[in-house]
N, C-alpha and C. Protein backbone atom coordinates (compact mmCIF):
# COMPACT_ATOMS: atom_id res chain seq x y z
N MET A 1 56.80 466.45 205.63
CA MET A 1 55.74 465.58 206.06
C MET A 1 54.49 465.93 205.25
N THR A 2 53.80 464.90 204.80
CA THR A 2 52.59 465.12 204.01
C THR A 2 51.38 465.30 204.92
N HIS A 3 50.29 465.78 204.34
CA HIS A 3 49.05 465.94 205.11
C HIS A 3 48.60 464.60 205.67
N SER A 4 48.61 463.58 204.84
CA SER A 4 48.10 462.29 205.29
C SER A 4 48.99 461.67 206.37
N ARG A 5 50.29 461.85 206.26
CA ARG A 5 51.18 461.30 207.30
C ARG A 5 50.95 462.01 208.63
N PHE A 6 50.80 463.33 208.61
CA PHE A 6 50.51 464.06 209.84
C PHE A 6 49.18 463.61 210.44
N PHE A 7 48.17 463.46 209.59
CA PHE A 7 46.86 463.04 210.06
C PHE A 7 46.94 461.66 210.69
N ARG A 8 47.68 460.76 210.06
CA ARG A 8 47.81 459.41 210.58
C ARG A 8 48.57 459.40 211.91
N LEU A 9 49.62 460.20 212.01
CA LEU A 9 50.36 460.26 213.27
C LEU A 9 49.55 460.91 214.38
N SER A 10 48.65 461.81 214.03
CA SER A 10 47.84 462.48 215.05
C SER A 10 46.85 461.52 215.71
N LEU A 11 46.64 460.35 215.13
CA LEU A 11 45.77 459.36 215.76
C LEU A 11 46.35 458.84 217.07
N PHE A 12 47.67 458.99 217.25
CA PHE A 12 48.31 458.55 218.49
C PHE A 12 48.17 459.58 219.61
N LEU A 13 47.66 460.76 219.31
CA LEU A 13 47.57 461.84 220.29
C LEU A 13 46.82 461.45 221.57
N PRO A 14 45.64 460.84 221.52
CA PRO A 14 44.95 460.50 222.78
C PRO A 14 45.75 459.54 223.66
N PHE A 15 46.32 458.51 223.05
CA PHE A 15 47.11 457.55 223.83
C PHE A 15 48.36 458.21 224.39
N LEU A 16 49.01 459.06 223.60
CA LEU A 16 50.20 459.76 224.05
C LEU A 16 49.88 460.71 225.21
N LEU A 17 48.78 461.45 225.11
CA LEU A 17 48.39 462.35 226.19
C LEU A 17 48.07 461.56 227.47
N TRP A 18 47.36 460.45 227.33
CA TRP A 18 47.03 459.64 228.49
C TRP A 18 48.30 459.14 229.18
N CYS A 19 49.24 458.64 228.40
CA CYS A 19 50.49 458.12 228.99
C CYS A 19 51.30 459.24 229.64
N LEU A 20 51.35 460.43 229.01
CA LEU A 20 52.09 461.54 229.60
C LEU A 20 51.46 462.00 230.91
N PHE A 21 50.14 462.17 230.94
CA PHE A 21 49.47 462.60 232.16
C PHE A 21 49.59 461.55 233.25
N LEU A 22 49.47 460.29 232.89
CA LEU A 22 49.58 459.21 233.87
C LEU A 22 50.99 459.13 234.44
N SER A 23 51.99 459.25 233.59
CA SER A 23 53.38 459.24 234.06
C SER A 23 53.69 460.46 234.91
N GLY A 24 53.22 461.63 234.48
CA GLY A 24 53.43 462.86 235.25
C GLY A 24 52.77 462.80 236.62
N TYR A 25 51.55 462.30 236.68
CA TYR A 25 50.85 462.15 237.95
C TYR A 25 51.60 461.17 238.86
N SER A 26 52.08 460.09 238.26
CA SER A 26 52.81 459.09 239.04
C SER A 26 54.11 459.66 239.61
N LEU A 27 54.81 460.45 238.80
CA LEU A 27 56.06 461.05 239.27
C LEU A 27 55.82 462.11 240.34
N MET A 28 54.79 462.94 240.15
CA MET A 28 54.52 464.02 241.10
C MET A 28 54.09 463.48 242.46
N ASN A 29 53.39 462.37 242.48
CA ASN A 29 52.89 461.82 243.74
C ASN A 29 53.74 460.66 244.27
N GLY A 30 54.86 460.39 243.63
CA GLY A 30 55.76 459.36 244.12
C GLY A 30 55.22 457.95 243.98
N LEU A 31 54.32 457.75 243.04
CA LEU A 31 53.77 456.42 242.81
C LEU A 31 54.67 455.68 241.83
N GLY A 32 54.73 454.40 241.92
CA GLY A 32 55.67 453.63 241.12
C GLY A 32 55.10 453.17 239.79
N ALA A 33 55.87 452.32 239.15
CA ALA A 33 55.49 451.78 237.85
C ALA A 33 54.26 450.87 237.97
N GLY A 34 54.07 450.28 239.12
CA GLY A 34 52.88 449.45 239.34
C GLY A 34 51.60 450.24 239.19
N PHE A 35 51.61 451.49 239.66
CA PHE A 35 50.45 452.37 239.51
C PHE A 35 50.17 452.65 238.04
N VAL A 36 51.22 452.92 237.28
CA VAL A 36 51.07 453.21 235.85
C VAL A 36 50.54 451.98 235.12
N LEU A 37 51.12 450.81 235.40
CA LEU A 37 50.67 449.59 234.73
C LEU A 37 49.24 449.23 235.10
N LYS A 38 48.87 449.44 236.37
CA LYS A 38 47.50 449.16 236.80
C LYS A 38 46.51 450.05 236.07
N ASN A 39 46.83 451.33 235.94
CA ASN A 39 45.93 452.25 235.26
C ASN A 39 45.90 452.04 233.75
N LEU A 40 47.01 451.61 233.18
CA LEU A 40 46.99 451.27 231.76
C LEU A 40 46.11 450.04 231.52
N TYR A 41 46.16 449.09 232.45
CA TYR A 41 45.31 447.90 232.33
C TYR A 41 43.83 448.25 232.51
N THR A 42 43.52 449.11 233.49
CA THR A 42 42.12 449.45 233.72
C THR A 42 41.55 450.34 232.62
N SER A 43 42.41 451.01 231.86
CA SER A 43 41.92 451.83 230.75
C SER A 43 41.85 451.04 229.45
N SER A 44 42.19 449.76 229.49
CA SER A 44 42.15 448.95 228.27
C SER A 44 40.76 448.86 227.63
N PRO A 45 39.62 448.92 228.37
CA PRO A 45 38.33 448.93 227.68
C PRO A 45 38.12 450.15 226.79
N VAL A 46 38.91 451.20 227.00
CA VAL A 46 38.82 452.37 226.13
C VAL A 46 39.88 452.30 225.03
N PHE A 47 41.10 451.95 225.39
CA PHE A 47 42.19 452.05 224.43
C PHE A 47 42.28 450.87 223.47
N VAL A 48 41.82 449.70 223.84
CA VAL A 48 41.82 448.59 222.88
C VAL A 48 40.86 448.89 221.72
N PRO A 49 39.61 449.34 221.98
CA PRO A 49 38.76 449.74 220.85
C PRO A 49 39.36 450.92 220.07
N TYR A 50 40.02 451.84 220.79
CA TYR A 50 40.60 452.99 220.09
C TYR A 50 41.74 452.55 219.17
N ILE A 51 42.53 451.58 219.58
CA ILE A 51 43.61 451.09 218.73
C ILE A 51 43.03 450.44 217.47
N ILE A 52 41.97 449.66 217.63
CA ILE A 52 41.32 449.04 216.47
C ILE A 52 40.75 450.13 215.55
N TYR A 53 40.06 451.09 216.14
CA TYR A 53 39.49 452.20 215.38
C TYR A 53 40.58 453.00 214.67
N SER A 54 41.67 453.28 215.37
CA SER A 54 42.77 454.03 214.76
C SER A 54 43.40 453.29 213.60
N ALA A 55 43.49 451.98 213.71
CA ALA A 55 44.05 451.19 212.61
C ALA A 55 43.19 451.30 211.36
N VAL A 56 41.88 451.31 211.54
CA VAL A 56 40.98 451.46 210.38
C VAL A 56 41.11 452.86 209.79
N ILE A 57 41.12 453.89 210.63
CA ILE A 57 41.27 455.26 210.13
C ILE A 57 42.64 455.45 209.51
N TRP A 58 43.67 454.83 210.08
CA TRP A 58 45.03 454.90 209.53
C TRP A 58 45.03 454.38 208.09
N LYS A 59 44.36 453.27 207.88
CA LYS A 59 44.29 452.68 206.54
C LYS A 59 43.50 453.57 205.59
N LEU A 60 42.41 454.16 206.06
CA LEU A 60 41.60 455.03 205.22
C LEU A 60 42.30 456.33 204.85
N ALA A 61 43.16 456.83 205.72
CA ALA A 61 43.80 458.13 205.51
C ALA A 61 45.07 458.05 204.68
N GLY A 62 45.49 456.87 204.29
CA GLY A 62 46.73 456.72 203.55
C GLY A 62 46.70 457.39 202.19
N ASN A 63 47.62 458.32 201.95
CA ASN A 63 47.79 459.03 200.69
C ASN A 63 46.49 459.66 200.18
N ARG A 64 45.73 460.23 201.06
CA ARG A 64 44.51 460.94 200.69
C ARG A 64 44.83 462.42 200.48
N SER A 65 43.99 463.05 199.72
CA SER A 65 44.18 464.49 199.49
C SER A 65 43.73 465.27 200.72
N TYR A 66 44.07 466.53 200.72
CA TYR A 66 43.75 467.41 201.85
C TYR A 66 42.24 467.45 202.09
N SER A 67 41.46 467.57 201.04
CA SER A 67 40.00 467.67 201.20
C SER A 67 39.42 466.37 201.74
N HIS A 68 39.97 465.23 201.34
CA HIS A 68 39.51 463.95 201.89
C HIS A 68 39.84 463.83 203.37
N LEU A 69 41.02 464.32 203.76
CA LEU A 69 41.41 464.26 205.17
C LEU A 69 40.51 465.14 206.03
N ILE A 70 40.15 466.30 205.53
CA ILE A 70 39.23 467.17 206.27
C ILE A 70 37.88 466.49 206.43
N LEU A 71 37.42 465.82 205.39
CA LEU A 71 36.16 465.09 205.45
C LEU A 71 36.25 463.94 206.47
N ILE A 72 37.34 463.19 206.43
CA ILE A 72 37.53 462.10 207.38
C ILE A 72 37.58 462.64 208.81
N ALA A 73 38.29 463.76 209.01
CA ALA A 73 38.41 464.35 210.34
C ALA A 73 37.07 464.85 210.87
N SER A 74 36.19 465.26 209.98
CA SER A 74 34.90 465.77 210.45
C SER A 74 33.88 464.66 210.70
N ILE A 75 34.05 463.51 210.06
CA ILE A 75 33.10 462.42 210.22
C ILE A 75 33.60 461.36 211.20
N ALA A 76 34.90 461.17 211.31
CA ALA A 76 35.47 460.09 212.11
C ALA A 76 35.03 460.09 213.58
N PRO A 77 34.91 461.23 214.27
CA PRO A 77 34.46 461.16 215.67
C PRO A 77 33.06 460.58 215.85
N VAL A 78 32.19 460.76 214.88
CA VAL A 78 30.86 460.16 214.97
C VAL A 78 30.99 458.64 214.93
N PHE A 79 31.82 458.16 214.02
CA PHE A 79 32.05 456.71 213.95
C PHE A 79 32.73 456.20 215.21
N TRP A 80 33.61 457.02 215.81
CA TRP A 80 34.23 456.62 217.07
C TRP A 80 33.18 456.45 218.16
N GLY A 81 32.23 457.38 218.25
CA GLY A 81 31.18 457.28 219.26
C GLY A 81 30.36 456.02 219.10
N ILE A 82 30.00 455.69 217.87
CA ILE A 82 29.22 454.48 217.60
C ILE A 82 30.06 453.24 217.88
N PHE A 83 31.30 453.23 217.39
CA PHE A 83 32.17 452.07 217.58
C PHE A 83 32.47 451.84 219.05
N TYR A 84 32.73 452.90 219.80
CA TYR A 84 33.01 452.75 221.23
C TYR A 84 31.80 452.18 221.96
N THR A 85 30.62 452.67 221.64
CA THR A 85 29.42 452.18 222.30
C THR A 85 29.19 450.70 221.99
N LEU A 86 29.39 450.30 220.74
CA LEU A 86 29.23 448.89 220.38
C LEU A 86 30.26 448.00 221.08
N SER A 87 31.50 448.48 221.15
CA SER A 87 32.53 447.68 221.84
C SER A 87 32.25 447.61 223.34
N HIS A 88 31.74 448.69 223.91
CA HIS A 88 31.35 448.69 225.33
C HIS A 88 30.22 447.69 225.57
N MET A 89 29.23 447.70 224.68
CA MET A 89 28.12 446.75 224.82
C MET A 89 28.62 445.31 224.76
N LEU A 90 29.50 445.04 223.81
CA LEU A 90 30.03 443.68 223.66
C LEU A 90 30.84 443.26 224.89
N LEU A 91 31.69 444.16 225.37
CA LEU A 91 32.52 443.85 226.53
C LEU A 91 31.67 443.55 227.76
N PHE A 92 30.69 444.39 228.03
CA PHE A 92 29.88 444.18 229.23
C PHE A 92 28.90 443.03 229.06
N TYR A 93 28.51 442.71 227.85
CA TYR A 93 27.67 441.53 227.66
C TYR A 93 28.48 440.26 227.92
N ILE A 94 29.72 440.24 227.43
CA ILE A 94 30.58 439.08 227.67
C ILE A 94 30.93 438.97 229.16
N LYS A 95 31.23 440.10 229.77
CA LYS A 95 31.68 440.11 231.16
C LYS A 95 30.55 439.88 232.17
N ASP A 96 29.45 440.61 232.03
CA ASP A 96 28.38 440.59 233.03
C ASP A 96 27.06 440.02 232.53
N ARG A 97 26.99 439.65 231.27
CA ARG A 97 25.76 439.15 230.66
C ARG A 97 24.61 440.15 230.80
N MET A 98 24.94 441.42 230.59
CA MET A 98 23.91 442.44 230.64
C MET A 98 24.20 443.52 229.60
N ILE A 99 23.15 444.19 229.18
CA ILE A 99 23.29 445.29 228.23
C ILE A 99 22.62 446.51 228.86
N ASP A 100 23.29 447.64 228.78
CA ASP A 100 22.73 448.88 229.33
C ASP A 100 21.48 449.26 228.56
N GLY A 101 20.68 450.10 229.18
CA GLY A 101 19.46 450.58 228.54
C GLY A 101 19.76 451.48 227.35
N PHE A 102 18.75 451.66 226.51
CA PHE A 102 18.92 452.44 225.29
C PHE A 102 19.33 453.88 225.60
N LEU A 103 18.74 454.48 226.61
CA LEU A 103 19.08 455.86 226.97
C LEU A 103 20.54 455.97 227.39
N VAL A 104 21.01 455.02 228.17
CA VAL A 104 22.41 455.02 228.61
C VAL A 104 23.34 454.89 227.40
N LEU A 105 22.99 454.03 226.47
CA LEU A 105 23.81 453.84 225.27
C LEU A 105 23.82 455.10 224.40
N CYS A 106 22.69 455.78 224.31
CA CYS A 106 22.64 457.04 223.55
C CYS A 106 23.52 458.11 224.21
N ILE A 107 23.47 458.21 225.52
CA ILE A 107 24.30 459.17 226.24
C ILE A 107 25.77 458.83 226.07
N MET A 108 26.10 457.55 226.13
CA MET A 108 27.48 457.12 225.95
C MET A 108 27.98 457.45 224.54
N THR A 109 27.14 457.21 223.54
CA THR A 109 27.51 457.54 222.16
C THR A 109 27.73 459.04 222.00
N PHE A 110 26.84 459.83 222.60
CA PHE A 110 26.99 461.28 222.51
C PHE A 110 28.31 461.75 223.12
N TRP A 111 28.62 461.29 224.33
CA TRP A 111 29.84 461.76 224.99
C TRP A 111 31.10 461.22 224.33
N ALA A 112 31.05 460.01 223.81
CA ALA A 112 32.21 459.49 223.08
C ALA A 112 32.44 460.29 221.81
N THR A 113 31.36 460.72 221.16
CA THR A 113 31.49 461.56 219.97
C THR A 113 32.05 462.94 220.32
N VAL A 114 31.56 463.52 221.41
CA VAL A 114 32.08 464.83 221.85
C VAL A 114 33.57 464.74 222.15
N VAL A 115 33.97 463.70 222.88
CA VAL A 115 35.39 463.52 223.18
C VAL A 115 36.18 463.29 221.90
N GLY A 116 35.62 462.55 220.95
CA GLY A 116 36.28 462.35 219.66
C GLY A 116 36.52 463.67 218.94
N TYR A 117 35.53 464.55 218.96
CA TYR A 117 35.72 465.87 218.33
C TYR A 117 36.74 466.72 219.09
N LEU A 118 36.73 466.64 220.42
CA LEU A 118 37.71 467.41 221.19
C LEU A 118 39.14 466.94 220.93
N ILE A 119 39.31 465.64 220.80
CA ILE A 119 40.64 465.10 220.51
C ILE A 119 41.04 465.41 219.07
N GLU A 120 40.09 465.39 218.16
CA GLU A 120 40.39 465.59 216.74
C GLU A 120 40.60 467.07 216.39
N ILE A 121 40.12 467.98 217.23
CA ILE A 121 40.19 469.40 216.90
C ILE A 121 41.64 469.91 216.86
N ILE A 122 42.50 469.40 217.71
CA ILE A 122 43.89 469.88 217.73
C ILE A 122 44.61 469.55 216.42
N PRO A 123 44.61 468.28 215.98
CA PRO A 123 45.25 468.00 214.68
C PRO A 123 44.55 468.70 213.52
N LEU A 124 43.24 468.85 213.60
CA LEU A 124 42.50 469.52 212.52
C LEU A 124 42.90 470.99 212.42
N ILE A 125 43.05 471.66 213.55
CA ILE A 125 43.47 473.07 213.53
C ILE A 125 44.88 473.19 212.95
N ILE A 126 45.77 472.29 213.35
CA ILE A 126 47.14 472.31 212.81
C ILE A 126 47.12 472.04 211.31
N LEU A 127 46.31 471.08 210.89
CA LEU A 127 46.23 470.74 209.48
C LEU A 127 45.70 471.91 208.66
N VAL A 128 44.70 472.62 209.17
CA VAL A 128 44.14 473.77 208.45
C VAL A 128 45.08 474.97 208.50
N ALA A 129 45.67 475.24 209.65
CA ALA A 129 46.53 476.41 209.80
C ALA A 129 47.80 476.31 208.97
N PHE A 130 48.36 475.12 208.89
CA PHE A 130 49.61 474.93 208.16
C PHE A 130 49.39 474.17 206.86
N ARG A 131 48.27 474.40 206.23
CA ARG A 131 47.91 473.68 205.01
C ARG A 131 48.99 473.76 203.95
N ASN A 132 49.55 474.92 203.74
CA ASN A 132 50.53 475.11 202.67
C ASN A 132 51.95 474.75 203.09
N ASP A 133 52.17 474.50 204.38
CA ASP A 133 53.52 474.18 204.85
C ASP A 133 53.85 472.69 204.72
N PHE A 134 52.83 471.85 204.57
CA PHE A 134 53.08 470.42 204.40
C PHE A 134 53.44 470.13 202.95
N LYS A 135 54.21 469.07 202.74
CA LYS A 135 54.49 468.61 201.38
C LYS A 135 53.23 467.99 200.83
N GLN A 136 53.10 468.06 199.52
CA GLN A 136 51.97 467.41 198.90
C GLN A 136 52.27 465.93 198.74
N ALA A 137 51.24 465.12 198.87
CA ALA A 137 51.41 463.68 198.71
C ALA A 137 51.69 463.36 197.25
N ASP A 138 52.28 462.19 197.00
CA ASP A 138 52.62 461.80 195.64
C ASP A 138 51.39 461.69 194.75
N CYS A 139 50.26 461.26 195.32
CA CYS A 139 49.07 461.13 194.50
C CYS A 139 48.55 462.50 194.08
N GLU A 140 48.71 463.54 194.94
CA GLU A 140 48.30 464.88 194.56
C GLU A 140 49.19 465.44 193.49
N LYS A 141 50.49 465.14 193.54
CA LYS A 141 51.42 465.62 192.52
C LYS A 141 51.11 464.99 191.16
N SER A 142 50.76 463.71 191.16
CA SER A 142 50.48 463.05 189.89
C SER A 142 49.16 463.54 189.30
N ILE A 143 48.20 463.93 190.14
CA ILE A 143 46.93 464.45 189.63
C ILE A 143 47.15 465.83 188.99
N GLU A 144 47.99 466.65 189.60
CA GLU A 144 48.22 467.99 189.07
C GLU A 144 49.03 467.96 187.79
N ALA A 145 49.87 466.94 187.61
CA ALA A 145 50.74 466.88 186.43
C ALA A 145 50.00 466.55 185.16
């Protein structure tokens, strides 16, 4: 597996963790599939923007070198915080015809960025720790040749 492929697959980590925790909670408390589907639907204001954001990052991370991936991993959570706040503003403006105050939007951007860094830290640590264990991408091989 190449660095870029691992980085791209790690974008599914938040959605995978959410589904695992939701399914585990449902099984432990004897709740049915309706509970899982209801909570997946109510979390759509978070995961629909995340899927769009992940698709953009997926495209940007394709066949990038290790140093570019580290740069993307360090900057991407900031863009997630901004993108999430903008999508939240759009959703609530369409739904309720209101926009939150500037302070609320700043707090939301800050916490979305913090969560983005917390989610990104696990793949980043794996990428740094096992740097030499991954195969090199074809573009890196052609540059070295």
